[in-house]
């Protein structure tokens, strides 16, 4: 099981599961998560941006992984080069379940 979220503080049960390494957990910016979902709906491989380079979502700095299971699961974000300019590819992924809060 994989969880992709932007703030686990509002979901203590998911946060605990991530800390206990019961789920592969990623912490990505909410806007990026939204765009990943949109890319999946459009049957695209993901979306490309320069936003997030040299931050925690950059795979060279952890790729948003917050536990060992996420390390084993692999990268959701990939470094790519377009005409000599570094970019990040946020990969779209299949979604089986979603937890939404009001």
C-alpha atoms as a PDB file:
ATOM      1  CA  UNK A   1       0.000   0.000   0.000  1.00  0.00           C
ATOM      2  CA  UNK A   2       1.173   3.495  -0.900  1.00  0.00           C
ATOM      3  CA  UNK A   3       0.075   6.836   0.537  1.00  0.00           C
ATOM      4  CA  UNK A   4       0.792  10.127  -1.190  1.00  0.00           C
ATOM      5  CA  UNK A   5      -0.103  13.153   0.872  1.00  0.00           C
ATOM      6  CA  UNK A   6       0.786  16.738   1.572  1.00  0.00           C
ATOM      7  CA  UNK A   7       0.148  16.940   5.302  1.00  0.00           C
ATOM      8  CA  UNK A   8      -0.186  13.897   7.516  1.00  0.00           C
ATOM      9  CA  UNK A   9      -0.966  15.950  10.631  1.00  0.00           C
ATOM     10  CA  UNK A  10      -4.656  15.979   9.736  1.00  0.00           C
ATOM     11  CA  UNK A  11      -4.662  12.180   9.335  1.00  0.00           C
ATOM     12  CA  UNK A  12      -3.078  10.806  12.509  1.00  0.00           C
ATOM     13  CA  UNK A  13      -3.826   7.190  11.601  1.00  0.00           C
ATOM     14  CA  UNK A  14      -2.036   7.502   8.242  1.00  0.00           C
ATOM     15  CA  UNK A  15       0.834   9.330   9.918  1.00  0.00           C
ATOM     16  CA  UNK A  16       1.200   6.543  12.463  1.00  0.00           C
ATOM     17  CA  UNK A  17       1.097   3.895   9.730  1.00  0.00           C
ATOM     18  CA  UNK A  18       3.837   5.796   7.873  1.00  0.00           C
ATOM     19  CA  UNK A  19       5.981   6.090  11.006  1.00  0.00           C
ATOM     20  CA  UNK A  20       5.564   2.382  11.720  1.00  0.00           C
ATOM     21  CA  UNK A  21       6.533   1.571   8.107  1.00  0.00           C
ATOM     22  CA  UNK A  22       3.198  -0.156   7.438  1.00  0.00           C
ATOM     23  CA  UNK A  23       2.635   1.838   4.228  1.00  0.00           C
ATOM     24  CA  UNK A  24       4.999   3.377   1.696  1.00  0.00           C
ATOM     25  CA  UNK A  25       4.500   7.075   2.394  1.00  0.00           C
ATOM     26  CA  UNK A  26       5.385  10.121   0.313  1.00  0.00           C
ATOM     27  CA  UNK A  27       5.036  13.793   1.206  1.00  0.00           C
ATOM     28  CA  UNK A  28       4.573  15.920  -1.912  1.00  0.00           C
ATOM     29  CA  UNK A  29       3.201  19.444  -2.392  1.00  0.00           C
ATOM     30  CA  UNK A  30      -0.583  19.520  -2.717  1.00  0.00           C
ATOM     31  CA  UNK A  31      -0.433  21.249  -6.097  1.00  0.00           C
ATOM     32  CA  UNK A  32       1.851  18.518  -7.414  1.00  0.00           C
ATOM     33  CA  UNK A  33      -0.448  15.789  -6.101  1.00  0.00           C
ATOM     34  CA  UNK A  34      -3.384  17.493  -7.834  1.00  0.00           C
ATOM     35  CA  UNK A  35      -1.473  17.683 -11.099  1.00  0.00           C
ATOM     36  CA  UNK A  36      -0.439  14.011 -10.782  1.00  0.00           C
ATOM     37  CA  UNK A  37      -4.106  13.051 -10.431  1.00  0.00           C
ATOM     38  CA  UNK A  38      -5.018  15.236 -13.403  1.00  0.00           C
ATOM     39  CA  UNK A  39      -2.256  13.633 -15.495  1.00  0.00           C
ATOM     40  CA  UNK A  40      -3.567  10.167 -14.611  1.00  0.00           C
ATOM     41  CA  UNK A  41      -7.102  11.181 -15.618  1.00  0.00           C
ATOM     42  CA  UNK A  42      -5.756  12.451 -18.952  1.00  0.00           C
ATOM     43  CA  UNK A  43      -3.818   9.192 -19.469  1.00  0.00           C
ATOM     44  CA  UNK A  44      -0.497  11.079 -19.428  1.00  0.00           C
ATOM     45  CA  UNK A  45       2.770   9.800 -17.963  1.00  0.00           C
ATOM     46  CA  UNK A  46       2.890  12.726 -15.540  1.00  0.00           C
ATOM     47  CA  UNK A  47       3.771  16.403 -15.627  1.00  0.00           C
ATOM     48  CA  UNK A  48       7.048  18.258 -16.009  1.00  0.00           C
ATOM     49  CA  UNK A  49       8.124  21.302 -14.012  1.00  0.00           C
ATOM     50  CA  UNK A  50      11.170  23.100 -12.682  1.00  0.00           C
ATOM     51  CA  UNK A  51       9.363  23.874  -9.427  1.00  0.00           C
ATOM     52  CA  UNK A  52      10.725  21.690  -6.647  1.00  0.00           C
ATOM     53  CA  UNK A  53      14.285  21.341  -7.905  1.00  0.00           C
ATOM     54  CA  UNK A  54      16.735  21.286  -4.981  1.00  0.00           C
ATOM     55  CA  UNK A  55      13.922  20.751  -2.461  1.00  0.00           C
ATOM     56  CA  UNK A  56      12.747  17.667  -0.584  1.00  0.00           C
ATOM     57  CA  UNK A  57      10.787  16.478  -3.649  1.00  0.00           C
ATOM     58  CA  UNK A  58      13.909  16.405  -5.825  1.00  0.00           C
ATOM     59  CA  UNK A  59      14.957  12.721  -6.044  1.00  0.00           C
ATOM     60  CA  UNK A  60      18.544  13.761  -5.303  1.00  0.00           C
ATOM     61  CA  UNK A  61      17.251  14.983  -1.913  1.00  0.00           C
ATOM     62  CA  UNK A  62      14.827  12.177  -1.094  1.00  0.00           C
ATOM     63  CA  UNK A  63      12.037  12.546  -3.641  1.00  0.00           C
ATOM     64  CA  UNK A  64       9.400  13.120  -0.961  1.00  0.00           C
ATOM     65  CA  UNK A  65       9.888   9.638   0.527  1.00  0.00           C
ATOM     66  CA  UNK A  66       9.259   9.606   4.262  1.00  0.00           C
ATOM     67  CA  UNK A  67       9.969   5.993   5.212  1.00  0.00           C
ATOM     68  CA  UNK A  68      11.833   2.822   4.259  1.00  0.00           C
ATOM     69  CA  UNK A  69       8.885   1.264   2.409  1.00  0.00           C
ATOM     70  CA  UNK A  70       8.767   4.318   0.140  1.00  0.00           C
ATOM     71  CA  UNK A  71      12.494   3.869  -0.530  1.00  0.00           C
ATOM     72  CA  UNK A  72      11.786   0.279  -1.548  1.00  0.00           C
ATOM     73  CA  UNK A  73       8.719   1.260  -3.599  1.00  0.00           C
ATOM     74  CA  UNK A  74      10.725   3.686  -5.724  1.00  0.00           C
ATOM     75  CA  UNK A  75      10.579   7.185  -7.113  1.00  0.00           C
ATOM     76  CA  UNK A  76       7.389   9.066  -7.936  1.00  0.00           C
ATOM     77  CA  UNK A  77       9.505  12.002  -9.102  1.00  0.00           C
ATOM     78  CA  UNK A  78      12.290  11.745 -11.660  1.00  0.00           C
ATOM     79  CA  UNK A  79      15.050  14.162 -12.678  1.00  0.00           C
ATOM     80  CA  UNK A  80      15.069  14.809 -16.413  1.00  0.00           C
ATOM     81  CA  UNK A  81      16.970  17.165 -18.676  1.00  0.00           C
ATOM     82  CA  UNK A  82      15.295  19.133 -21.470  1.00  0.00           C
ATOM     83  CA  UNK A  83      17.706  20.982 -23.755  1.00  0.00           C
ATOM     84  CA  UNK A  84      20.244  21.283 -20.958  1.00  0.00           C
ATOM     85  CA  UNK A  85      17.741  22.575 -18.399  1.00  0.00           C
ATOM     86  CA  UNK A  86      16.983  20.373 -15.376  1.00  0.00           C
ATOM     87  CA  UNK A  87      13.336  19.513 -14.731  1.00  0.00           C
ATOM     88  CA  UNK A  88      11.319  17.203 -12.521  1.00  0.00           C
ATOM     89  CA  UNK A  89       8.881  14.655 -13.911  1.00  0.00           C
ATOM     90  CA  UNK A  90       6.128  13.907 -11.408  1.00  0.00           C
ATOM     91  CA  UNK A  91       4.855  10.522 -12.580  1.00  0.00           C
ATOM     92  CA  UNK A  92       1.153   9.819 -12.733  1.00  0.00           C
ATOM     93  CA  UNK A  93       0.034   6.714 -10.895  1.00  0.00           C
ATOM     94  CA  UNK A  94      -3.013   4.531 -10.597  1.00  0.00           C
ATOM     95  CA  UNK A  95      -5.312   5.466  -7.732  1.00  0.00           C
ATOM     96  CA  UNK A  96      -7.286   2.742  -6.003  1.00  0.00           C
ATOM     97  CA  UNK A  97      -8.617   4.708  -3.034  1.00  0.00           C
ATOM     98  CA  UNK A  98      -8.706   8.306  -1.834  1.00  0.00           C
ATOM     99  CA  UNK A  99      -9.244   9.909   1.551  1.00  0.00           C
ATOM    100  CA  UNK A 100     -10.768  13.372   1.357  1.00  0.00           C
ATOM    101  CA  UNK A 101     -11.483  15.748   4.210  1.00  0.00           C
ATOM    102  CA  UNK A 102     -13.704  18.781   4.284  1.00  0.00           C
END
